[in-house]
Amino acid sequence: MEIIPAIDIIDGKCVRLTQGDYEQKKIYNEHPLEVAKEFEDAGLQRLHLVDLDGAKAGAVKNWKVLETIASKTSLTIDFGGGIKKEEDVKVVFDSGAALATVGSIAVKDEKTFVQWLQKFGAEKFLLGADVKDEKIAVGGWLETTDVWIYDFIEKYINHGVQQIFCTDVSKDGKLEGPSIDLYRNIIAKFPSLHFIASGGVSNVDDVHELREIGCSGAIIGKAIYEGRIAINDLKRLAV
């Protein structure tokens, strides 16, 4: 199972939000490259980079941070936040991301997203699904749709998407443990999917449990920054 540390960016700085609330922002490091290098030095190979300014503005903003990290580390970076137009996709790939991370556009504008899959290659996208009570949530989690998570996943697997991560919005940033039952159900329905857990990871035991139920990866953010999971733990988990 891949350990995928997360760096969330506001104003070029490494921050974390609680449940997507910009008012509950905590700055952890003024220099995201320093954080990325720590992860690389710990033997990790992936990075989940989120442009929170971009997510709010509806257009990619912090591509310079992506460019810096991509050029100065060997991390495989997925980058998301504000990818709404084809130009945004191009900027993300031109700036060094291996994967473009998308979420709400796949819910709200299926036609456009499918065009991107066809043009750039489905393997170049990491699809994120925010979920509340097994239904897709969008718009900064303020809006719950009537789209069932399993239908959503099946549709995009059929379009060639290979990697999907799922965040239970009731868990994210609260360090209360991941949504094991939800993830177990998804993996049971789609056993060949490269499924990545996201949200709620609070300690090493959570990571072991995600591995045991068959997750292909786990995105970990706040637990690292709050010292619940140490860099040395990450080294061991990455083995």
C-alpha atoms as a PDB file:
ATOM      1  CA  MET A   1       0.000   0.000   0.000  1.00  0.00           C
ATOM      2  CA  GLU A   2       1.304   3.424  -0.962  1.00  0.00           C
ATOM      3  CA  ILE A   3       1.639   6.072   1.727  1.00  0.00           C
ATOM      4  CA  ILE A   4       0.693   9.382   0.104  1.00  0.00           C
ATOM      5  CA  PRO A   5       1.380  12.440   2.264  1.00  0.00           C
ATOM      6  CA  ALA A   6      -0.702  15.521   1.573  1.00  0.00           C
ATOM      7  CA  ILE A   7       0.356  19.135   1.304  1.00  0.00           C
ATOM      8  CA  ASP A   8      -2.434  21.705   1.158  1.00  0.00           C
ATOM      9  CA  ILE A   9      -1.471  25.140  -0.128  1.00  0.00           C
ATOM     10  CA  ILE A  10      -2.868  28.581   0.688  1.00  0.00           C
ATOM     11  CA  ASP A  11      -0.841  31.673  -0.275  1.00  0.00           C
ATOM     12  CA  GLY A  12       2.087  29.396  -1.132  1.00  0.00           C
ATOM     13  CA  LYS A  13       2.203  27.988   2.413  1.00  0.00           C
ATOM     14  CA  CYS A  14       1.586  24.501   3.787  1.00  0.00           C
ATOM     15  CA  VAL A  15      -1.691  24.506   5.735  1.00  0.00           C
ATOM     16  CA  ARG A  16      -4.453  22.181   6.905  1.00  0.00           C
ATOM     17  CA  LEU A  17      -8.162  22.843   7.143  1.00  0.00           C
ATOM     18  CA  THR A  18     -10.690  21.047   9.318  1.00  0.00           C
ATOM     19  CA  GLN A  19     -13.602  19.638   7.295  1.00  0.00           C
ATOM     20  CA  GLY A  20     -12.768  21.938   4.391  1.00  0.00           C
ATOM     21  CA  ASP A  21     -13.446  25.087   6.419  1.00  0.00           C
ATOM     22  CA  TYR A  22     -11.176  27.946   5.344  1.00  0.00           C
ATOM     23  CA  GLU A  23     -11.892  29.646   8.678  1.00  0.00           C
ATOM     24  CA  GLN A  24     -10.325  26.651  10.449  1.00  0.00           C
ATOM     25  CA  LYS A  25      -6.920  27.069   8.818  1.00  0.00           C
ATOM     26  CA  LYS A  26      -3.603  26.233  10.460  1.00  0.00           C
ATOM     27  CA  ILE A  27      -0.255  27.076   8.854  1.00  0.00           C
ATOM     28  CA  TYR A  28       2.363  24.363   9.352  1.00  0.00           C
ATOM     29  CA  ASN A  29       5.217  25.545   7.166  1.00  0.00           C
ATOM     30  CA  GLU A  30       5.909  28.644   5.097  1.00  0.00           C
ATOM     31  CA  HIS A  31       7.926  26.567   2.623  1.00  0.00           C
ATOM     32  CA  PRO A  32       6.159  23.535   1.107  1.00  0.00           C
ATOM     33  CA  LEU A  33       9.361  22.403  -0.619  1.00  0.00           C
ATOM     34  CA  GLU A  34      10.940  21.752   2.788  1.00  0.00           C
ATOM     35  CA  VAL A  35       7.993  19.541   3.717  1.00  0.00           C
ATOM     36  CA  ALA A  36       8.125  17.700   0.395  1.00  0.00           C
ATOM     37  CA  LYS A  37      11.847  17.027   0.814  1.00  0.00           C
ATOM     38  CA  GLU A  38      11.207  15.556   4.271  1.00  0.00           C
ATOM     39  CA  PHE A  39       8.746  13.130   2.723  1.00  0.00           C
ATOM     40  CA  GLU A  40      11.199  12.244  -0.033  1.00  0.00           C
ATOM     41  CA  ASP A  41      13.978  11.715   2.514  1.00  0.00           C
ATOM     42  CA  ALA A  42      11.643   9.346   4.398  1.00  0.00           C
ATOM     43  CA  GLY A  43      11.555   7.130   1.326  1.00  0.00           C
ATOM     44  CA  LEU A  44       8.087   8.114   0.166  1.00  0.00           C
ATOM     45  CA  GLN A  45       7.447   8.314  -3.554  1.00  0.00           C
ATOM     46  CA  ARG A  46       4.046   9.997  -3.880  1.00  0.00           C
ATOM     47  CA  LEU A  47       2.694  13.429  -2.947  1.00  0.00           C
ATOM     48  CA  HIS A  48      -0.901  14.671  -2.884  1.00  0.00           C
ATOM     49  CA  LEU A  49      -0.672  18.429  -3.518  1.00  0.00           C
ATOM     50  CA  VAL A  50      -3.839  20.493  -3.105  1.00  0.00           C
ATOM     51  CA  ASP A  51      -4.243  24.087  -4.268  1.00  0.00           C
ATOM     52  CA  LEU A  52      -6.827  25.410  -1.808  1.00  0.00           C
ATOM     53  CA  ASP A  53      -6.647  28.901  -3.310  1.00  0.00           C
ATOM     54  CA  GLY A  54      -7.412  27.330  -6.670  1.00  0.00           C
ATOM     55  CA  ALA A  55     -10.288  25.308  -5.270  1.00  0.00           C
ATOM     56  CA  LYS A  56     -11.830  28.491  -3.886  1.00  0.00           C
ATOM     57  CA  ALA A  57     -11.208  30.547  -7.045  1.00  0.00           C
ATOM     58  CA  GLY A  58     -12.206  27.862  -9.529  1.00  0.00           C
ATOM     59  CA  ALA A  59      -8.869  28.119 -11.369  1.00  0.00           C
ATOM     60  CA  VAL A  60      -5.374  26.805 -10.663  1.00  0.00           C
ATOM     61  CA  LYS A  61      -3.390  29.346  -8.603  1.00  0.00           C
ATOM     62  CA  ASN A  62      -0.418  27.688  -6.907  1.00  0.00           C
ATOM     63  CA  TRP A  63       1.157  26.048  -9.946  1.00  0.00           C
ATOM     64  CA  LYS A  64       4.510  27.651  -9.052  1.00  0.00           C
ATOM     65  CA  VAL A  65       4.620  25.574  -5.859  1.00  0.00           C
ATOM     66  CA  LEU A  66       3.963  22.479  -7.952  1.00  0.00           C
ATOM     67  CA  GLU A  67       6.686  23.458 -10.408  1.00  0.00           C
ATOM     68  CA  THR A  68       9.208  23.988  -7.597  1.00  0.00           C
ATOM     69  CA  ILE A  69       8.500  20.684  -5.851  1.00  0.00           C
ATOM     70  CA  ALA A  70       8.389  18.736  -9.121  1.00  0.00           C
ATOM     71  CA  SER A  71      11.723  20.166 -10.276  1.00  0.00           C
ATOM     72  CA  LYS A  72      13.528  19.738  -6.952  1.00  0.00           C
ATOM     73  CA  THR A  73      12.278  16.298  -5.853  1.00  0.00           C
ATOM     74  CA  SER A  74      11.636  12.965  -7.540  1.00  0.00           C
ATOM     75  CA  LEU A  75       8.175  12.606  -5.983  1.00  0.00           C
ATOM     76  CA  THR A  76       5.287  11.461  -8.164  1.00  0.00           C
ATOM     77  CA  ILE A  77       2.848  14.321  -7.643  1.00  0.00           C
ATOM     78  CA  ASP A  78      -0.874  14.441  -8.075  1.00  0.00           C
ATOM     79  CA  PHE A  79      -2.144  18.025  -8.079  1.00  0.00           C
ATOM     80  CA  GLY A  80      -5.684  19.250  -7.591  1.00  0.00           C
ATOM     81  CA  GLY A  81      -7.702  22.308  -6.730  1.00  0.00           C
ATOM     82  CA  GLY A  82      -9.358  24.603  -9.250  1.00  0.00           C
ATOM     83  CA  ILE A  83      -9.009  22.377 -12.304  1.00  0.00           C
ATOM     84  CA  LYS A  84     -12.098  23.512 -14.202  1.00  0.00           C
ATOM     85  CA  LYS A  85     -10.870  24.133 -17.752  1.00  0.00           C
ATOM     86  CA  GLU A  86      -8.637  22.359 -20.227  1.00  0.00           C
ATOM     87  CA  GLU A  87      -6.058  25.137 -19.808  1.00  0.00           C
ATOM     88  CA  ASP A  88      -5.869  24.264 -16.110  1.00  0.00           C
ATOM     89  CA  VAL A  89      -5.153  20.631 -16.970  1.00  0.00           C
ATOM     90  CA  LYS A  90      -2.351  21.721 -19.311  1.00  0.00           C
ATOM     91  CA  VAL A  91      -0.838  24.033 -16.681  1.00  0.00           C
ATOM     92  CA  VAL A  92      -0.831  21.214 -14.126  1.00  0.00           C
ATOM     93  CA  PHE A  93       0.932  18.781 -16.441  1.00  0.00           C
ATOM     94  CA  ASP A  94       3.323  21.436 -17.789  1.00  0.00           C
ATOM     95  CA  SER A  95       4.266  22.302 -14.188  1.00  0.00           C
ATOM     96  CA  GLY A  96       5.326  18.733 -13.452  1.00  0.00           C
ATOM     97  CA  ALA A  97       2.351  16.850 -12.050  1.00  0.00           C
ATOM     98  CA  ALA A  98       2.137  13.177 -12.966  1.00  0.00           C
ATOM     99  CA  LEU A  99      -1.586  13.152 -12.248  1.00  0.00           C
ATOM    100  CA  ALA A 100      -4.307  15.792 -12.323  1.00  0.00           C
ATOM    101  CA  THR A 101      -6.674  15.415  -9.396  1.00  0.00           C
ATOM    102  CA  VAL A 102     -10.291  16.236 -10.163  1.00  0.00           C
ATOM    103  CA  GLY A 103     -13.519  15.938  -8.253  1.00  0.00           C
ATOM    104  CA  SER A 104     -16.514  18.196  -8.678  1.00  0.00           C
ATOM    105  CA  ILE A 105     -16.230  18.573 -12.459  1.00  0.00           C
ATOM    106  CA  ALA A 106     -16.646  14.808 -12.800  1.00  0.00           C
ATOM    107  CA  VAL A 107     -19.947  15.184 -10.971  1.00  0.00           C
ATOM    108  CA  LYS A 108     -21.196  18.421 -12.524  1.00  0.00           C
ATOM    109  CA  ASP A 109     -19.823  18.247 -16.064  1.00  0.00           C
ATOM    110  CA  GLU A 110     -19.355  14.645 -17.096  1.00  0.00           C
ATOM    111  CA  LYS A 111     -19.073  15.538 -20.787  1.00  0.00           C
ATOM    112  CA  THR A 112     -16.074  17.829 -20.269  1.00  0.00           C
ATOM    113  CA  PHE A 113     -14.301  15.415 -17.950  1.00  0.00           C
ATOM    114  CA  VAL A 114     -14.739  12.502 -20.354  1.00  0.00           C
ATOM    115  CA  GLN A 115     -13.254  14.676 -23.115  1.00  0.00           C
ATOM    116  CA  TRP A 116     -10.193  15.250 -20.907  1.00  0.00           C
ATOM    117  CA  LEU A 117      -9.892  11.515 -20.269  1.00  0.00           C
ATOM    118  CA  GLN A 118      -9.907  10.905 -23.995  1.00  0.00           C
ATOM    119  CA  LYS A 119      -7.506  13.739 -24.834  1.00  0.00           C
ATOM    120  CA  PHE A 120      -4.886  13.367 -22.085  1.00  0.00           C
ATOM    121  CA  GLY A 121      -5.372   9.701 -21.169  1.00  0.00           C
ATOM    122  CA  ALA A 122      -7.471   8.321 -18.328  1.00  0.00           C
ATOM    123  CA  GLU A 123      -4.327   7.082 -16.572  1.00  0.00           C
ATOM    124  CA  LYS A 124      -3.266  10.729 -16.089  1.00  0.00           C
ATOM    125  CA  PHE A 125      -6.139  11.506 -13.723  1.00  0.00           C
ATOM    126  CA  LEU A 126      -6.738  10.808 -10.054  1.00  0.00           C
ATOM    127  CA  LEU A 127     -10.461  11.017  -9.381  1.00  0.00           C
ATOM    128  CA  GLY A 128     -11.521  12.261  -5.969  1.00  0.00           C
ATOM    129  CA  ALA A 129     -14.918  11.502  -4.488  1.00  0.00           C
ATOM    130  CA  ASP A 130     -16.120  13.365  -1.422  1.00  0.00           C
ATOM    131  CA  VAL A 131     -18.819  11.313   0.252  1.00  0.00           C
ATOM    132  CA  LYS A 132     -21.473  11.854   2.890  1.00  0.00           C
ATOM    133  CA  ASP A 133     -23.755   8.915   3.762  1.00  0.00           C
ATOM    134  CA  GLU A 134     -22.583   7.112   0.593  1.00  0.00           C
ATOM    135  CA  LYS A 135     -23.688  10.046  -1.594  1.00  0.00           C
ATOM    136  CA  ILE A 136     -21.319  12.374  -3.487  1.00  0.00           C
ATOM    137  CA  ALA A 137     -20.785  15.816  -1.932  1.00  0.00           C
ATOM    138  CA  VAL A 138     -19.571  18.842  -3.923  1.00  0.00           C
ATOM    139  CA  GLY A 139     -19.056  22.577  -3.544  1.00  0.00           C
ATOM    140  CA  GLY A 140     -16.698  22.474  -0.605  1.00  0.00           C
ATOM    141  CA  TRP A 141     -18.838  19.696   0.866  1.00  0.00           C
ATOM    142  CA  LEU A 142     -21.751  22.087   1.386  1.00  0.00           C
ATOM    143  CA  GLU A 143     -23.899  20.325  -1.196  1.00  0.00           C
ATOM    144  CA  THR A 144     -24.767  16.636  -1.064  1.00  0.00           C
ATOM    145  CA  THR A 145     -25.979  15.215  -4.362  1.00  0.00           C
ATOM    146  CA  ASP A 146     -28.193  12.198  -4.966  1.00  0.00           C
ATOM    147  CA  VAL A 147     -25.349  10.427  -6.792  1.00  0.00           C
ATOM    148  CA  TRP A 148     -24.515   7.107  -5.135  1.00  0.00           C
ATOM    149  CA  ILE A 149     -20.777   6.621  -4.684  1.00  0.00           C
ATOM    150  CA  TYR A 150     -20.841   3.124  -6.213  1.00  0.00           C
ATOM    151  CA  ASP A 151     -22.592   4.309  -9.388  1.00  0.00           C
ATOM    152  CA  PHE A 152     -20.105   7.178  -9.658  1.00  0.00           C
ATOM    153  CA  ILE A 153     -17.092   4.874  -9.378  1.00  0.00           C
ATOM    154  CA  GLU A 154     -18.480   2.315 -11.807  1.00  0.00           C
ATOM    155  CA  LYS A 155     -19.193   4.969 -14.426  1.00  0.00           C
ATOM    156  CA  TYR A 156     -15.653   6.310 -14.445  1.00  0.00           C
ATOM    157  CA  ILE A 157     -13.989   2.910 -14.255  1.00  0.00           C
ATOM    158  CA  ASN A 158     -15.865   2.231 -17.494  1.00  0.00           C
ATOM    159  CA  HIS A 159     -14.311   5.420 -18.891  1.00  0.00           C
ATOM    160  CA  GLY A 160     -10.831   4.098 -18.050  1.00  0.00           C
ATOM    161  CA  VAL A 161     -10.092   5.843 -14.740  1.00  0.00           C
ATOM    162  CA  GLN A 162      -7.672   3.652 -12.782  1.00  0.00           C
ATOM    163  CA  GLN A 163      -7.084   5.538  -9.518  1.00  0.00           C
ATOM    164  CA  ILE A 164      -9.801   6.889  -7.238  1.00  0.00           C
ATOM    165  CA  PHE A 165      -9.598   8.293  -3.730  1.00  0.00           C
ATOM    166  CA  CYS A 166     -12.549   8.724  -1.456  1.00  0.00           C
ATOM    167  CA  THR A 167     -12.948  11.169   1.433  1.00  0.00           C
ATOM    168  CA  ASP A 168     -15.708  10.831   3.990  1.00  0.00           C
ATOM    169  CA  VAL A 169     -16.425  14.503   4.676  1.00  0.00           C
ATOM    170  CA  SER A 170     -17.609  13.732   8.198  1.00  0.00           C
ATOM    171  CA  LYS A 171     -14.129  12.415   9.024  1.00  0.00           C
ATOM    172  CA  ASP A 172     -11.665  14.682   7.221  1.00  0.00           C
ATOM    173  CA  GLY A 173      -9.285  16.662   9.397  1.00  0.00           C
ATOM    174  CA  LYS A 174     -10.831  15.402  12.632  1.00  0.00           C
ATOM    175  CA  LEU A 175      -8.336  12.605  13.410  1.00  0.00           C
ATOM    176  CA  GLU A 176     -11.194  10.269  14.361  1.00  0.00           C
ATOM    177  CA  GLY A 177     -10.219   7.339  12.173  1.00  0.00           C
ATOM    178  CA  PRO A 178     -11.019   6.507   8.532  1.00  0.00           C
ATOM    179  CA  SER A 179     -14.316   5.174   7.154  1.00  0.00           C
ATOM    180  CA  ILE A 180     -13.337   1.514   7.200  1.00  0.00           C
ATOM    181  CA  ASP A 181     -16.800   0.131   6.434  1.00  0.00           C
ATOM    182  CA  LEU A 182     -17.291   2.424   3.429  1.00  0.00           C
ATOM    183  CA  TYR A 183     -13.870   1.576   2.041  1.00  0.00           C
ATOM    184  CA  ARG A 184     -14.357  -2.138   2.603  1.00  0.00           C
ATOM    185  CA  ASN A 185     -17.631  -1.990   0.648  1.00  0.00           C
ATOM    186  CA  ILE A 186     -16.029  -0.084  -2.249  1.00  0.00           C
ATOM    187  CA  ILE A 187     -13.104  -2.509  -2.481  1.00  0.00           C
ATOM    188  CA  ALA A 188     -15.487  -5.476  -2.391  1.00  0.00           C
ATOM    189  CA  LYS A 189     -17.490  -4.063  -5.296  1.00  0.00           C
ATOM    190  CA  PHE A 190     -14.441  -2.989  -7.336  1.00  0.00           C
ATOM    191  CA  PRO A 191     -11.588  -5.356  -6.435  1.00  0.00           C
ATOM    192  CA  SER A 192      -9.384  -4.363  -9.381  1.00  0.00           C
ATOM    193  CA  LEU A 193      -9.583  -0.622  -8.645  1.00  0.00           C
ATOM    194  CA  HIS A 194      -6.492   1.223  -7.368  1.00  0.00           C
ATOM    195  CA  PHE A 195      -8.428   2.571  -4.404  1.00  0.00           C
ATOM    196  CA  ILE A 196      -6.934   5.217  -2.115  1.00  0.00           C
ATOM    197  CA  ALA A 197      -8.325   6.054   1.318  1.00  0.00           C
ATOM    198  CA  SER A 198      -8.409   9.686   2.389  1.00  0.00           C
ATOM    199  CA  GLY A 199      -9.509  11.445   5.539  1.00  0.00           C
ATOM    200  CA  GLY A 200      -9.560  10.597   9.217  1.00  0.00           C
ATOM    201  CA  VAL A 201      -6.236   8.737   9.514  1.00  0.00           C
ATOM    202  CA  SER A 202      -5.053   9.484  13.052  1.00  0.00           C
ATOM    203  CA  ASN A 203      -2.341   6.939  13.842  1.00  0.00           C
ATOM    204  CA  VAL A 204      -0.275   4.023  12.576  1.00  0.00           C
ATOM    205  CA  ASP A 205      -2.962   1.501  13.537  1.00  0.00           C
ATOM    206  CA  ASP A 206      -5.393   3.212  11.142  1.00  0.00           C
ATOM    207  CA  VAL A 207      -2.890   2.766   8.333  1.00  0.00           C
ATOM    208  CA  HIS A 208      -2.422  -0.925   9.129  1.00  0.00           C
ATOM    209  CA  GLU A 209      -6.202  -1.408   9.110  1.00  0.00           C
ATOM    210  CA  LEU A 210      -6.509   0.270   5.710  1.00  0.00           C
ATOM    211  CA  ARG A 211      -3.815  -2.035   4.390  1.00  0.00           C
ATOM    212  CA  GLU A 212      -5.587  -5.084   5.808  1.00  0.00           C
ATOM    213  CA  ILE A 213      -8.901  -4.296   4.077  1.00  0.00           C
ATOM    214  CA  GLY A 214      -7.119  -3.951   0.735  1.00  0.00           C
ATOM    215  CA  CYS A 215      -6.606  -0.236   0.105  1.00  0.00           C
ATOM    216  CA  SER A 216      -3.986   0.442  -2.567  1.00  0.00           C
ATOM    217  CA  GLY A 217      -2.976   3.716  -0.948  1.00  0.00           C
ATOM    218  CA  ALA A 218      -3.704   6.090   1.915  1.00  0.00           C
ATOM    219  CA  ILE A 219      -3.546   9.883   1.793  1.00  0.00           C
ATOM    220  CA  ILE A 220      -2.343  11.190   5.149  1.00  0.00           C
ATOM    221  CA  GLY A 221      -2.268  14.847   6.133  1.00  0.00           C
ATOM    222  CA  LYS A 222      -3.167  16.225   9.517  1.00  0.00           C
ATOM    223  CA  ALA A 223      -1.907  13.199  11.462  1.00  0.00           C
ATOM    224  CA  ILE A 224       1.597  13.950  10.165  1.00  0.00           C
ATOM    225  CA  TYR A 225       1.478  17.663  10.902  1.00  0.00           C
ATOM    226  CA  GLU A 226       0.010  17.169  14.379  1.00  0.00           C
ATOM    227  CA  GLY A 227       2.727  14.640  15.240  1.00  0.00           C
ATOM    228  CA  ARG A 228       0.362  11.658  15.490  1.00  0.00           C
ATOM    229  CA  ILE A 229       2.419   9.836  12.855  1.00  0.00           C
ATOM    230  CA  ALA A 230       6.151  10.547  12.851  1.00  0.00           C
ATOM    231  CA  ILE A 231       8.403  10.672   9.815  1.00  0.00           C
ATOM    232  CA  ASN A 232      10.133   7.519  11.097  1.00  0.00           C
ATOM    233  CA  ASP A 233       6.734   5.810  11.165  1.00  0.00           C
ATOM    234  CA  LEU A 234       6.245   6.820   7.548  1.00  0.00           C
ATOM    235  CA  LYS A 235       9.566   5.208   6.668  1.00  0.00           C
ATOM    236  CA  ARG A 236       8.424   1.911   8.165  1.00  0.00           C
ATOM    237  CA  LEU A 237       4.958   2.117   6.652  1.00  0.00           C
ATOM    238  CA  ALA A 238       6.391   2.777   3.208  1.00  0.00           C
ATOM    239  CA  VAL A 239       8.350  -0.487   3.219  1.00  0.00           C
END
